[in-house]
Amino acid sequence: MKHLHMLMAVFTFAIFIFQAMPIMMGKSGRLSRNMMIASHLIYTLLVVSGAMVLLPVIKLVGIPHWIIAKIILLVVAVSATIKATRPTVTKNQARAGVFIAMIAYLGILSLVFIKPMNLF
């Protein structure tokens, strides 16, 4: 399951880059139907595989606080990406959404490598 989760994380970031490139070039961020289906499928597999990886950890030590931070950052990244790809937003709003999502994804990536210890 861990390998599936890591693969879905790579696909999630790749889809984000694919969605962000037109927005950063000043074009419309409108997605095709197939891309929307693919992004929903990959987000679902990412969350399900993450939950499956997390279950043994919860039984041993409970939920580490950095996992909660990763979940919150994923929600921020997904919601900012959704906002950026809506057809009713201005170019500046779309770029701000992409920037916020990028910061959230970088936060997730830093938590993956650092894995701060529970200090309480």
PDB file of N, CA and C in Angstrom:
ATOM      1  N   MET A   1       0.806  -1.196   0.000  1.00  0.00           N
ATOM      2  CA  MET A   1       0.000   0.000   0.000  1.00  0.00           C
ATOM      3  C   MET A   1       0.853   1.265   0.000  1.00  0.00           C
ATOM      4  N   LYS A   2       1.996   1.191   0.639  1.00  0.00           N
ATOM      5  CA  LYS A   2       2.839   2.381   0.715  1.00  0.00           C
ATOM      6  C   LYS A   2       3.295   2.808  -0.678  1.00  0.00           C
ATOM      7  N   HIS A   3       3.624   1.822  -1.533  1.00  0.00           N
ATOM      8  CA  HIS A   3       4.068   2.154  -2.879  1.00  0.00           C
ATOM      9  C   HIS A   3       2.932   2.768  -3.700  1.00  0.00           C
ATOM     10  N   LEU A   4       1.717   2.247  -3.528  1.00  0.00           N
ATOM     11  CA  LEU A   4       0.566   2.813  -4.218  1.00  0.00           C
ATOM     12  C   LEU A   4       0.331   4.253  -3.757  1.00  0.00           C
ATOM     13  N   HIS A   5       0.466   4.482  -2.465  1.00  0.00           N
ATOM     14  CA  HIS A   5       0.275   5.829  -1.928  1.00  0.00           C
ATOM     15  C   HIS A   5       1.323   6.794  -2.498  1.00  0.00           C
ATOM     16  N   MET A   6       2.567   6.364  -2.556  1.00  0.00           N
ATOM     17  CA  MET A   6       3.611   7.225  -3.101  1.00  0.00           C
ATOM     18  C   MET A   6       3.382   7.478  -4.600  1.00  0.00           C
ATOM     19  N   LEU A   7       2.926   6.459  -5.336  1.00  0.00           N
ATOM     20  CA  LEU A   7       2.638   6.630  -6.752  1.00  0.00           C
ATOM     21  C   LEU A   7       1.488   7.622  -6.960  1.00  0.00           C
ATOM     22  N   MET A   8       0.459   7.515  -6.136  1.00  0.00           N
ATOM     23  CA  MET A   8      -0.669   8.448  -6.251  1.00  0.00           C
ATOM     24  C   MET A   8      -0.247   9.864  -5.874  1.00  0.00           C
ATOM     25  N   ALA A   9       0.683  10.004  -4.937  1.00  0.00           N
ATOM     26  CA  ALA A   9       1.193  11.329  -4.579  1.00  0.00           C
ATOM     27  C   ALA A   9       1.947  11.943  -5.761  1.00  0.00           C
ATOM     28  N   VAL A  10       2.732  11.144  -6.454  1.00  0.00           N
ATOM     29  CA  VAL A  10       3.449  11.636  -7.637  1.00  0.00           C
ATOM     30  C   VAL A  10       2.442  12.025  -8.722  1.00  0.00           C
ATOM     31  N   PHE A  11       1.426  11.186  -8.947  1.00  0.00           N
ATOM     32  CA  PHE A  11       0.398  11.506  -9.943  1.00  0.00           C
ATOM     33  C   PHE A  11      -0.381  12.766  -9.557  1.00  0.00           C
ATOM     34  N   THR A  12      -0.644  12.940  -8.265  1.00  0.00           N
ATOM     35  CA  THR A  12      -1.356  14.131  -7.801  1.00  0.00           C
ATOM     36  C   THR A  12      -0.548  15.388  -8.121  1.00  0.00           C
ATOM     37  N   PHE A  13       0.732  15.337  -7.840  1.00  0.00           N
ATOM     38  CA  PHE A  13       1.574  16.503  -8.126  1.00  0.00           C
ATOM     39  C   PHE A  13       1.694  16.728  -9.632  1.00  0.00           C
ATOM     40  N   ALA A  14       1.767  15.644 -10.417  1.00  0.00           N
ATOM     41  CA  ALA A  14       1.852  15.776 -11.875  1.00  0.00           C
ATOM     42  C   ALA A  14       0.579  16.401 -12.439  1.00  0.00           C
ATOM     43  N   ILE A  15      -0.565  15.981 -11.933  1.00  0.00           N
ATOM     44  CA  ILE A  15      -1.821  16.573 -12.391  1.00  0.00           C
ATOM     45  C   ILE A  15      -1.901  18.035 -11.986  1.00  0.00           C
ATOM     46  N   PHE A  16      -1.409  18.360 -10.799  1.00  0.00           N
ATOM     47  CA  PHE A  16      -1.392  19.760 -10.378  1.00  0.00           C
ATOM     48  C   PHE A  16      -0.530  20.594 -11.325  1.00  0.00           C
ATOM     49  N   ILE A  17       0.640  20.101 -11.676  1.00  0.00           N
ATOM     50  CA  ILE A  17       1.514  20.825 -12.602  1.00  0.00           C
ATOM     51  C   ILE A  17       0.826  20.981 -13.961  1.00  0.00           C
ATOM     52  N   PHE A  18       0.167  19.908 -14.419  1.00  0.00           N
ATOM     53  CA  PHE A  18      -0.541  19.953 -15.696  1.00  0.00           C
ATOM     54  C   PHE A  18      -1.660  20.985 -15.660  1.00  0.00           C
ATOM     55  N   GLN A  19      -2.334  21.125 -14.520  1.00  0.00           N
ATOM     56  CA  GLN A  19      -3.406  22.110 -14.386  1.00  0.00           C
ATOM     57  C   GLN A  19      -2.855  23.526 -14.218  1.00  0.00           C
ATOM     58  N   ALA A  20      -1.702  23.657 -13.585  1.00  0.00           N
ATOM     59  CA  ALA A  20      -1.154  24.974 -13.265  1.00  0.00           C
ATOM     60  C   ALA A  20      -0.454  25.627 -14.444  1.00  0.00           C
ATOM     61  N   MET A  21       0.088  24.837 -15.351  1.00  0.00           N
ATOM     62  CA  MET A  21       0.848  25.415 -16.464  1.00  0.00           C
ATOM     63  C   MET A  21       0.032  26.388 -17.310  1.00  0.00           C
ATOM     64  N   PRO A  22      -1.171  26.037 -17.769  1.00  0.00           N
ATOM     65  CA  PRO A  22      -1.930  27.022 -18.562  1.00  0.00           C
ATOM     66  C   PRO A  22      -2.272  28.282 -17.761  1.00  0.00           C
ATOM     67  N   ILE A  23      -2.558  28.111 -16.484  1.00  0.00           N
ATOM     68  CA  ILE A  23      -2.908  29.266 -15.651  1.00  0.00           C
ATOM     69  C   ILE A  23      -1.720  30.215 -15.525  1.00  0.00           C
ATOM     70  N   MET A  24      -0.544  29.657 -15.323  1.00  0.00           N
ATOM     71  CA  MET A  24       0.641  30.495 -15.175  1.00  0.00           C
ATOM     72  C   MET A  24       1.054  31.138 -16.492  1.00  0.00           C
ATOM     73  N   MET A  25       0.633  30.549 -17.615  1.00  0.00           N
ATOM     74  CA  MET A  25       0.916  31.140 -18.925  1.00  0.00           C
ATOM     75  C   MET A  25      -0.129  32.179 -19.323  1.00  0.00           C
ATOM     76  N   GLY A  26      -1.142  32.369 -18.488  1.00  0.00           N
ATOM     77  CA  GLY A  26      -2.153  33.368 -18.751  1.00  0.00           C
ATOM     78  C   GLY A  26      -3.358  32.873 -19.521  1.00  0.00           C
ATOM     79  N   LYS A  27      -3.455  31.550 -19.692  1.00  0.00           N
ATOM     80  CA  LYS A  27      -4.594  30.986 -20.414  1.00  0.00           C
ATOM     81  C   LYS A  27      -5.656  30.533 -19.420  1.00  0.00           C
ATOM     82  N   SER A  28      -6.751  30.046 -19.946  1.00  0.00           N
ATOM     83  CA  SER A  28      -7.839  29.557 -19.104  1.00  0.00           C
ATOM     84  C   SER A  28      -7.437  28.236 -18.455  1.00  0.00           C
ATOM     85  N   GLY A  29      -7.838  28.057 -17.225  1.00  0.00           N
ATOM     86  CA  GLY A  29      -7.532  26.829 -16.505  1.00  0.00           C
ATOM     87  C   GLY A  29      -8.614  25.786 -16.623  1.00  0.00           C
ATOM     88  N   ARG A  30      -9.514  25.940 -17.575  1.00  0.00           N
ATOM     89  CA  ARG A  30     -10.632  25.011 -17.761  1.00  0.00           C
ATOM     90  C   ARG A  30     -10.104  23.632 -18.099  1.00  0.00           C
ATOM     91  N   LEU A  31     -10.628  22.614 -17.387  1.00  0.00           N
ATOM     92  CA  LEU A  31     -10.177  21.237 -17.578  1.00  0.00           C
ATOM     93  C   LEU A  31     -11.151  20.460 -18.454  1.00  0.00           C
ATOM     94  N   SER A  32     -10.607  19.485 -19.163  1.00  0.00           N
ATOM     95  CA  SER A  32     -11.473  18.604 -19.935  1.00  0.00           C
ATOM     96  C   SER A  32     -12.164  17.627 -18.978  1.00  0.00           C
ATOM     97  N   ARG A  33     -13.190  16.987 -19.486  1.00  0.00           N
ATOM     98  CA  ARG A  33     -13.948  16.044 -18.652  1.00  0.00           C
ATOM     99  C   ARG A  33     -13.066  14.872 -18.225  1.00  0.00           C
ATOM    100  N   ASN A  34     -12.233  14.379 -19.133  1.00  0.00           N
ATOM    101  CA  ASN A  34     -11.353  13.255 -18.801  1.00  0.00           C
ATOM    102  C   ASN A  34     -10.340  13.627 -17.727  1.00  0.00           C
ATOM    103  N   MET A  35      -9.823  14.848 -17.786  1.00  0.00           N
ATOM    104  CA  MET A  35      -8.867  15.285 -16.766  1.00  0.00           C
ATOM    105  C   MET A  35      -9.547  15.431 -15.413  1.00  0.00           C
ATOM    106  N   MET A  36     -10.779  15.895 -15.400  1.00  0.00           N
ATOM    107  CA  MET A  36     -11.509  16.002 -14.133  1.00  0.00           C
ATOM    108  C   MET A  36     -11.757  14.618 -13.532  1.00  0.00           C
ATOM    109  N   ILE A  37     -12.123  13.658 -14.359  1.00  0.00           N
ATOM    110  CA  ILE A  37     -12.338  12.290 -13.880  1.00  0.00           C
ATOM    111  C   ILE A  37     -11.035  11.710 -13.346  1.00  0.00           C
ATOM    112  N   ALA A  38      -9.949  11.934 -14.068  1.00  0.00           N
ATOM    113  CA  ALA A  38      -8.648  11.415 -13.632  1.00  0.00           C
ATOM    114  C   ALA A  38      -8.224  12.037 -12.307  1.00  0.00           C
ATOM    115  N   SER A  39      -8.427  13.334 -12.151  1.00  0.00           N
ATOM    116  CA  SER A  39      -8.017  13.979 -10.903  1.00  0.00           C
ATOM    117  C   SER A  39      -8.859  13.482  -9.731  1.00  0.00           C
ATOM    118  N   HIS A  40     -10.164  13.292  -9.939  1.00  0.00           N
ATOM    119  CA  HIS A  40     -11.001  12.751  -8.872  1.00  0.00           C
ATOM    120  C   HIS A  40     -10.572  11.334  -8.498  1.00  0.00           C
ATOM    121  N   LEU A  41     -10.272  10.515  -9.485  1.00  0.00           N
ATOM    122  CA  LEU A  41      -9.848   9.140  -9.233  1.00  0.00           C
ATOM    123  C   LEU A  41      -8.521   9.104  -8.476  1.00  0.00           C
ATOM    124  N   ILE A  42      -7.594   9.939  -8.873  1.00  0.00           N
ATOM    125  CA  ILE A  42      -6.278   9.949  -8.220  1.00  0.00           C
ATOM    126  C   ILE A  42      -6.381  10.495  -6.797  1.00  0.00           C
ATOM    127  N   TYR A  43      -7.177  11.547  -6.589  1.00  0.00           N
ATOM    128  CA  TYR A  43      -7.367  12.047  -5.222  1.00  0.00           C
ATOM    129  C   TYR A  43      -8.000  10.988  -4.337  1.00  0.00           C
ATOM    130  N   THR A  44      -8.973  10.260  -4.869  1.00  0.00           N
ATOM    131  CA  THR A  44      -9.632   9.205  -4.093  1.00  0.00           C
ATOM    132  C   THR A  44      -8.658   8.096  -3.739  1.00  0.00           C
ATOM    133  N   LEU A  45      -7.879   7.636  -4.722  1.00  0.00           N
ATOM    134  CA  LEU A  45      -6.895   6.585  -4.447  1.00  0.00           C
ATOM    135  C   LEU A  45      -5.818   7.064  -3.482  1.00  0.00           C
ATOM    136  N   LEU A  46      -5.454   8.334  -3.556  1.00  0.00           N
ATOM    137  CA  LEU A  46      -4.466   8.881  -2.623  1.00  0.00           C
ATOM    138  C   LEU A  46      -4.986   8.840  -1.195  1.00  0.00           C
ATOM    139  N   VAL A  47      -6.223   9.263  -0.992  1.00  0.00           N
ATOM    140  CA  VAL A  47      -6.791   9.285   0.361  1.00  0.00           C
ATOM    141  C   VAL A  47      -7.001   7.863   0.892  1.00  0.00           C
ATOM    142  N   VAL A  48      -7.517   6.968   0.056  1.00  0.00           N
ATOM    143  CA  VAL A  48      -7.773   5.589   0.498  1.00  0.00           C
ATOM    144  C   VAL A  48      -6.462   4.868   0.810  1.00  0.00           C
ATOM    145  N   SER A  49      -5.468   5.012  -0.061  1.00  0.00           N
ATOM    146  CA  SER A  49      -4.187   4.347   0.214  1.00  0.00           C
ATOM    147  C   SER A  49      -3.503   4.963   1.431  1.00  0.00           C
ATOM    148  N   GLY A  50      -3.654   6.270   1.616  1.00  0.00           N
ATOM    149  CA  GLY A  50      -3.092   6.909   2.814  1.00  0.00           C
ATOM    150  C   GLY A  50      -3.748   6.399   4.082  1.00  0.00           C
ATOM    151  N   ALA A  51      -5.058   6.199   4.034  1.00  0.00           N
ATOM    152  CA  ALA A  51      -5.761   5.646   5.198  1.00  0.00           C
ATOM    153  C   ALA A  51      -5.308   4.222   5.488  1.00  0.00           C
ATOM    154  N   MET A  52      -5.083   3.451   4.441  1.00  0.00           N
ATOM    155  CA  MET A  52      -4.627   2.071   4.636  1.00  0.00           C
ATOM    156  C   MET A  52      -3.212   2.017   5.218  1.00  0.00           C
ATOM    157  N   VAL A  53      -2.367   2.942   4.813  1.00  0.00           N
ATOM    158  CA  VAL A  53      -1.016   3.011   5.372  1.00  0.00           C
ATOM    159  C   VAL A  53      -1.075   3.480   6.820  1.00  0.00           C
ATOM    160  N   LEU A  54      -2.033   4.339   7.134  1.00  0.00           N
ATOM    161  CA  LEU A  54      -2.132   4.936   8.469  1.00  0.00           C
ATOM    162  C   LEU A  54      -2.714   3.982   9.516  1.00  0.00           C
ATOM    163  N   LEU A  55      -3.544   3.035   9.109  1.00  0.00           N
ATOM    164  CA  LEU A  55      -4.210   2.157  10.081  1.00  0.00           C
ATOM    165  C   LEU A  55      -3.249   1.425  11.021  1.00  0.00           C
ATOM    166  N   PRO A  56      -2.178   0.780  10.541  1.00  0.00           N
ATOM    167  CA  PRO A  56      -1.260   0.135  11.491  1.00  0.00           C
ATOM    168  C   PRO A  56      -0.561   1.115  12.428  1.00  0.00           C
ATOM    169  N   VAL A  57      -0.293   2.325  11.943  1.00  0.00           N
ATOM    170  CA  VAL A  57       0.368   3.337  12.772  1.00  0.00           C
ATOM    171  C   VAL A  57      -0.556   3.777  13.902  1.00  0.00           C
ATOM    172  N   ILE A  58      -1.845   3.925  13.592  1.00  0.00           N
ATOM    173  CA  ILE A  58      -2.809   4.336  14.612  1.00  0.00           C
ATOM    174  C   ILE A  58      -2.888   3.301  15.725  1.00  0.00           C
ATOM    175  N   LYS A  59      -2.837   2.020  15.372  1.00  0.00           N
ATOM    176  CA  LYS A  59      -2.915   0.966  16.379  1.00  0.00           C
ATOM    177  C   LYS A  59      -1.715   0.988  17.314  1.00  0.00           C
ATOM    178  N   LEU A  60      -0.553   1.385  16.799  1.00  0.00           N
ATOM    179  CA  LEU A  60       0.655   1.376  17.616  1.00  0.00           C
ATOM    180  C   LEU A  60       0.834   2.644  18.442  1.00  0.00           C
ATOM    181  N   VAL A  61       0.750   3.806  17.804  1.00  0.00           N
ATOM    182  CA  VAL A  61       1.090   5.050  18.499  1.00  0.00           C
ATOM    183  C   VAL A  61       0.005   6.108  18.464  1.00  0.00           C
ATOM    184  N   GLY A  62      -1.116   5.827  17.859  1.00  0.00           N
ATOM    185  CA  GLY A  62      -2.132   6.858  17.703  1.00  0.00           C
ATOM    186  C   GLY A  62      -1.849   7.664  16.442  1.00  0.00           C
ATOM    187  N   ILE A  63      -2.548   8.755  16.289  1.00  0.00           N
ATOM    188  CA  ILE A  63      -2.359   9.585  15.093  1.00  0.00           C
ATOM    189  C   ILE A  63      -1.266  10.616  15.365  1.00  0.00           C
ATOM    190  N   PRO A  64      -0.154  10.527  14.628  1.00  0.00           N
ATOM    191  CA  PRO A  64       0.885  11.545  14.789  1.00  0.00           C
ATOM    192  C   PRO A  64       0.372  12.908  14.326  1.00  0.00           C
ATOM    193  N   HIS A  65       0.848  13.972  14.979  1.00  0.00           N
ATOM    194  CA  HIS A  65       0.336  15.307  14.653  1.00  0.00           C
ATOM    195  C   HIS A  65       0.725  15.756  13.257  1.00  0.00           C
ATOM    196  N   TRP A  66       1.808  15.249  12.703  1.00  0.00           N
ATOM    197  CA  TRP A  66       2.196  15.652  11.354  1.00  0.00           C
ATOM    198  C   TRP A  66       1.271  15.055  10.303  1.00  0.00           C
ATOM    199  N   ILE A  67       0.594  13.953  10.621  1.00  0.00           N
ATOM    200  CA  ILE A  67      -0.397  13.381   9.699  1.00  0.00           C
ATOM    201  C   ILE A  67      -1.602  14.320   9.591  1.00  0.00           C
ATOM    202  N   ILE A  68      -2.019  14.858  10.720  1.00  0.00           N
ATOM    203  CA  ILE A  68      -3.138  15.799  10.713  1.00  0.00           C
ATOM    204  C   ILE A  68      -2.771  17.039   9.895  1.00  0.00           C
ATOM    205  N   ALA A  69      -1.534  17.503  10.039  1.00  0.00           N
ATOM    206  CA  ALA A  69      -1.083  18.658   9.258  1.00  0.00           C
ATOM    207  C   ALA A  69      -1.072  18.335   7.764  1.00  0.00           C
ATOM    208  N   LYS A  70      -0.665  17.111   7.396  1.00  0.00           N
ATOM    209  CA  LYS A  70      -0.673  16.722   5.986  1.00  0.00           C
ATOM    210  C   LYS A  70      -2.094  16.699   5.427  1.00  0.00           C
ATOM    211  N   ILE A  71      -3.033  16.207   6.207  1.00  0.00           N
ATOM    212  CA  ILE A  71      -4.426  16.141   5.753  1.00  0.00           C
ATOM    213  C   ILE A  71      -4.974  17.548   5.547  1.00  0.00           C
ATOM    214  N   ILE A  72      -4.701  18.441   6.490  1.00  0.00           N
ATOM    215  CA  ILE A  72      -5.171  19.828   6.364  1.00  0.00           C
ATOM    216  C   ILE A  72      -4.541  20.498   5.138  1.00  0.00           C
ATOM    217  N   LEU A  73      -3.249  20.279   4.928  1.00  0.00           N
ATOM    218  CA  LEU A  73      -2.581  20.869   3.766  1.00  0.00           C
ATOM    219  C   LEU A  73      -3.116  20.294   2.455  1.00  0.00           C
ATOM    220  N   LEU A  74      -3.481  19.012   2.446  1.00  0.00           N
ATOM    221  CA  LEU A  74      -4.066  18.426   1.241  1.00  0.00           C
ATOM    222  C   LEU A  74      -5.420  19.058   0.938  1.00  0.00           C
ATOM    223  N   VAL A  75      -6.218  19.286   1.964  1.00  0.00           N
ATOM    224  CA  VAL A  75      -7.513  19.955   1.762  1.00  0.00           C
ATOM    225  C   VAL A  75      -7.306  21.369   1.221  1.00  0.00           C
ATOM    226  N   VAL A  76      -6.333  22.082   1.753  1.00  0.00           N
ATOM    227  CA  VAL A  76      -6.031  23.437   1.271  1.00  0.00           C
ATOM    228  C   VAL A  76      -5.583  23.391  -0.186  1.00  0.00           C
ATOM    229  N   ALA A  77      -4.698  22.448  -0.525  1.00  0.00           N
ATOM    230  CA  ALA A  77      -4.190  22.355  -1.887  1.00  0.00           C
ATOM    231  C   ALA A  77      -5.297  22.021  -2.875  1.00  0.00           C
ATOM    232  N   VAL A  78      -6.144  21.070  -2.524  1.00  0.00           N
ATOM    233  CA  VAL A  78      -7.232  20.678  -3.427  1.00  0.00           C
ATOM    234  C   VAL A  78      -8.226  21.820  -3.592  1.00  0.00           C
ATOM    235  N   SER A  79      -8.596  22.484  -2.506  1.00  0.00           N
ATOM    236  CA  SER A  79      -9.572  23.569  -2.622  1.00  0.00           C
ATOM    237  C   SER A  79      -9.001  24.759  -3.390  1.00  0.00           C
ATOM    238  N   ALA A  80      -7.713  25.051  -3.222  1.00  0.00           N
ATOM    239  CA  ALA A  80      -7.105  26.145  -3.976  1.00  0.00           C
ATOM    240  C   ALA A  80      -7.006  25.797  -5.459  1.00  0.00           C
ATOM    241  N   THR A  81      -6.732  24.538  -5.767  1.00  0.00           N
ATOM    242  CA  THR A  81      -6.682  24.115  -7.164  1.00  0.00           C
ATOM    243  C   THR A  81      -8.061  24.183  -7.800  1.00  0.00           C
ATOM    244  N   ILE A  82      -9.082  23.780  -7.059  1.00  0.00           N
ATOM    245  CA  ILE A  82     -10.455  23.867  -7.571  1.00  0.00           C
ATOM    246  C   ILE A  82     -10.817  25.323  -7.853  1.00  0.00           C
ATOM    247  N   LYS A  83     -10.476  26.199  -6.939  1.00  0.00           N
ATOM    248  CA  LYS A  83     -10.768  27.623  -7.123  1.00  0.00           C
ATOM    249  C   LYS A  83     -10.033  28.186  -8.331  1.00  0.00           C
ATOM    250  N   ALA A  84      -8.789  27.751  -8.527  1.00  0.00           N
ATOM    251  CA  ALA A  84      -7.985  28.278  -9.628  1.00  0.00           C
ATOM    252  C   ALA A  84      -8.474  27.803 -10.988  1.00  0.00           C
ATOM    253  N   THR A  85      -9.095  26.641 -11.060  1.00  0.00           N
ATOM    254  CA  THR A  85      -9.511  26.103 -12.354  1.00  0.00           C
ATOM    255  C   THR A  85     -10.966  26.399 -12.693  1.00  0.00           C
ATOM    256  N   ARG A  86     -11.654  27.137 -11.860  1.00  0.00           N
ATOM    257  CA  ARG A  86     -13.031  27.515 -12.191  1.00  0.00           C
ATOM    258  C   ARG A  86     -13.029  28.532 -13.324  1.00  0.00           C
ATOM    259  N   PRO A  87     -14.016  28.446 -14.197  1.00  0.00           N
ATOM    260  CA  PRO A  87     -14.034  29.375 -15.335  1.00  0.00           C
ATOM    261  C   PRO A  87     -14.432  30.803 -14.958  1.00  0.00           C
ATOM    262  N   THR A  88     -14.970  31.027 -13.765  1.00  0.00           N
ATOM    263  CA  THR A  88     -15.462  32.355 -13.395  1.00  0.00           C
ATOM    264  C   THR A  88     -14.426  33.213 -12.683  1.00  0.00           C
ATOM    265  N   VAL A  89     -13.247  32.694 -12.419  1.00  0.00           N
ATOM    266  CA  VAL A  89     -12.244  33.476 -11.688  1.00  0.00           C
ATOM    267  C   VAL A  89     -11.413  34.309 -12.656  1.00  0.00           C
ATOM    268  N   THR A  90     -10.858  35.389 -12.130  1.00  0.00           N
ATOM    269  CA  THR A  90      -9.959  36.208 -12.935  1.00  0.00           C
ATOM    270  C   THR A  90      -8.580  35.556 -12.987  1.00  0.00           C
ATOM    271  N   LYS A  91      -7.728  36.078 -13.832  1.00  0.00           N
ATOM    272  CA  LYS A  91      -6.380  35.506 -13.969  1.00  0.00           C
ATOM    273  C   LYS A  91      -5.576  35.657 -12.689  1.00  0.00           C
ATOM    274  N   ASN A  92      -5.738  36.786 -12.021  1.00  0.00           N
ATOM    275  CA  ASN A  92      -5.001  36.987 -10.770  1.00  0.00           C
ATOM    276  C   ASN A  92      -5.492  36.049  -9.675  1.00  0.00           C
ATOM    277  N   GLN A  93      -6.797  35.817  -9.611  1.00  0.00           N
ATOM    278  CA  GLN A  93      -7.322  34.869  -8.633  1.00  0.00           C
ATOM    279  C   GLN A  93      -6.838  33.454  -8.928  1.00  0.00           C
ATOM    280  N   ALA A  94      -6.800  33.093 -10.198  1.00  0.00           N
ATOM    281  CA  ALA A  94      -6.326  31.758 -10.574  1.00  0.00           C
ATOM    282  C   ALA A  94      -4.859  31.586 -10.216  1.00  0.00           C
ATOM    283  N   ARG A  95      -4.057  32.612 -10.470  1.00  0.00           N
ATOM    284  CA  ARG A  95      -2.631  32.520 -10.114  1.00  0.00           C
ATOM    285  C   ARG A  95      -2.444  32.446  -8.599  1.00  0.00           C
ATOM    286  N   ALA A  96      -3.255  33.172  -7.859  1.00  0.00           N
ATOM    287  CA  ALA A  96      -3.166  33.103  -6.394  1.00  0.00           C
ATOM    288  C   ALA A  96      -3.545  31.712  -5.910  1.00  0.00           C
ATOM    289  N   GLY A  97      -4.565  31.114  -6.505  1.00  0.00           N
ATOM    290  CA  GLY A  97      -4.952  29.752  -6.137  1.00  0.00           C
ATOM    291  C   GLY A  97      -3.848  28.752  -6.412  1.00  0.00           C
ATOM    292  N   VAL A  98      -3.197  28.899  -7.563  1.00  0.00           N
ATOM    293  CA  VAL A  98      -2.070  28.008  -7.900  1.00  0.00           C
ATOM    294  C   VAL A  98      -0.929  28.208  -6.919  1.00  0.00           C
ATOM    295  N   PHE A  99      -0.651  29.459  -6.553  1.00  0.00           N
ATOM    296  CA  PHE A  99       0.427  29.745  -5.603  1.00  0.00           C
ATOM    297  C   PHE A  99       0.127  29.133  -4.233  1.00  0.00           C
ATOM    298  N   ILE A 100      -1.100  29.282  -3.771  1.00  0.00           N
ATOM    299  CA  ILE A 100      -1.486  28.711  -2.473  1.00  0.00           C
ATOM    300  C   ILE A 100      -1.381  27.196  -2.503  1.00  0.00           C
ATOM    301  N   ALA A 101      -1.844  26.586  -3.596  1.00  0.00           N
ATOM    302  CA  ALA A 101      -1.754  25.128  -3.719  1.00  0.00           C
ATOM    303  C   ALA A 101      -0.294  24.674  -3.746  1.00  0.00           C
ATOM    304  N   MET A 102       0.561  25.415  -4.428  1.00  0.00           N
ATOM    305  CA  MET A 102       1.978  25.053  -4.489  1.00  0.00           C
ATOM    306  C   MET A 102       2.612  25.125  -3.102  1.00  0.00           C
ATOM    307  N   ILE A 103       2.293  26.142  -2.339  1.00  0.00           N
ATOM    308  CA  ILE A 103       2.819  26.251  -0.977  1.00  0.00           C
ATOM    309  C   ILE A 103       2.329  25.076  -0.125  1.00  0.00           C
ATOM    310  N   ALA A 104       1.057  24.699  -0.284  1.00  0.00           N
ATOM    311  CA  ALA A 104       0.513  23.576   0.472  1.00  0.00           C
ATOM    312  C   ALA A 104       1.209  22.266   0.090  1.00  0.00           C
ATOM    313  N   TYR A 105       1.423  22.056  -1.220  1.00  0.00           N
ATOM    314  CA  TYR A 105       2.118  20.833  -1.648  1.00  0.00           C
ATOM    315  C   TYR A 105       3.566  20.810  -1.160  1.00  0.00           C
ATOM    316  N   LEU A 106       4.223  21.956  -1.138  1.00  0.00           N
ATOM    317  CA  LEU A 106       5.582  22.007  -0.593  1.00  0.00           C
ATOM    318  C   LEU A 106       5.588  21.730   0.907  1.00  0.00           C
ATOM    319  N   GLY A 107       4.555  22.192   1.613  1.00  0.00           N
ATOM    320  CA  GLY A 107       4.429  21.871   3.036  1.00  0.00           C
ATOM    321  C   GLY A 107       4.241  20.382   3.266  1.00  0.00           C
ATOM    322  N   ILE A 108       3.431  19.750   2.437  1.00  0.00           N
ATOM    323  CA  ILE A 108       3.242  18.295   2.544  1.00  0.00           C
ATOM    324  C   ILE A 108       4.553  17.579   2.283  1.00  0.00           C
ATOM    325  N   LEU A 109       5.254  18.007   1.249  1.00  0.00           N
ATOM    326  CA  LEU A 109       6.525  17.368   0.912  1.00  0.00           C
ATOM    327  C   LEU A 109       7.551  17.531   2.029  1.00  0.00           C
ATOM    328  N   SER A 110       7.581  18.696   2.654  1.00  0.00           N
ATOM    329  CA  SER A 110       8.522  18.890   3.762  1.00  0.00           C
ATOM    330  C   SER A 110       8.140  18.016   4.959  1.00  0.00           C
ATOM    331  N   LEU A 111       6.852  17.862   5.218  1.00  0.00           N
ATOM    332  CA  LEU A 111       6.432  16.980   6.313  1.00  0.00           C
ATOM    333  C   LEU A 111       6.759  15.527   6.026  1.00  0.00           C
ATOM    334  N   VAL A 112       6.726  15.135   4.766  1.00  0.00           N
ATOM    335  CA  VAL A 112       7.067  13.766   4.397  1.00  0.00           C
ATOM    336  C   VAL A 112       8.522  13.467   4.738  1.00  0.00           C
ATOM    337  N   PHE A 113       9.402  14.403   4.444  1.00  0.00           N
ATOM    338  CA  PHE A 113      10.815  14.157   4.680  1.00  0.00           C
ATOM    339  C   PHE A 113      11.242  14.417   6.118  1.00  0.00           C
ATOM    340  N   ILE A 114      10.622  15.390   6.781  1.00  0.00           N
ATOM    341  CA  ILE A 114      11.033  15.732   8.147  1.00  0.00           C
ATOM    342  C   ILE A 114      10.416  14.786   9.168  1.00  0.00           C
ATOM    343  N   LYS A 115       9.140  14.490   9.039  1.00  0.00           N
ATOM    344  CA  LYS A 115       8.390  13.675   9.995  1.00  0.00           C
ATOM    345  C   LYS A 115       8.722  14.063  11.434  1.00  0.00           C
ATOM    346  N   PRO A 116       8.278  15.238  11.870  1.00  0.00           N
ATOM    347  CA  PRO A 116       8.608  15.698  13.212  1.00  0.00           C
ATOM    348  C   PRO A 116       8.112  14.730  14.286  1.00  0.00           C
ATOM    349  N   MET A 117       8.885  14.607  15.334  1.00  0.00           N
ATOM    350  CA  MET A 117       8.554  13.683  16.417  1.00  0.00           C
ATOM    351  C   MET A 117       7.431  14.261  17.271  1.00  0.00           C
ATOM    352  N   ASN A 118       6.638  13.376  17.853  1.00  0.00           N
ATOM    353  CA  ASN A 118       5.634  13.809  18.821  1.00  0.00           C
ATOM    354  C   ASN A 118       6.359  14.191  20.101  1.00  0.00           C
ATOM    355  N   LEU A 119       6.200  15.427  20.506  1.00  0.00           N
ATOM    356  CA  LEU A 119       6.918  15.909  21.684  1.00  0.00           C
ATOM    357  C   LEU A 119       6.055  15.955  22.922  1.00  0.00           C
ATOM    358  N   PHE A 120       4.842  15.439  22.869  1.00  0.00           N
ATOM    359  CA  PHE A 120       3.983  15.480  24.040  1.00  0.00           C
ATOM    360  C   PHE A 120       3.664  14.097  24.516  1.00  0.00           C
TER     361      PHE A 120
END
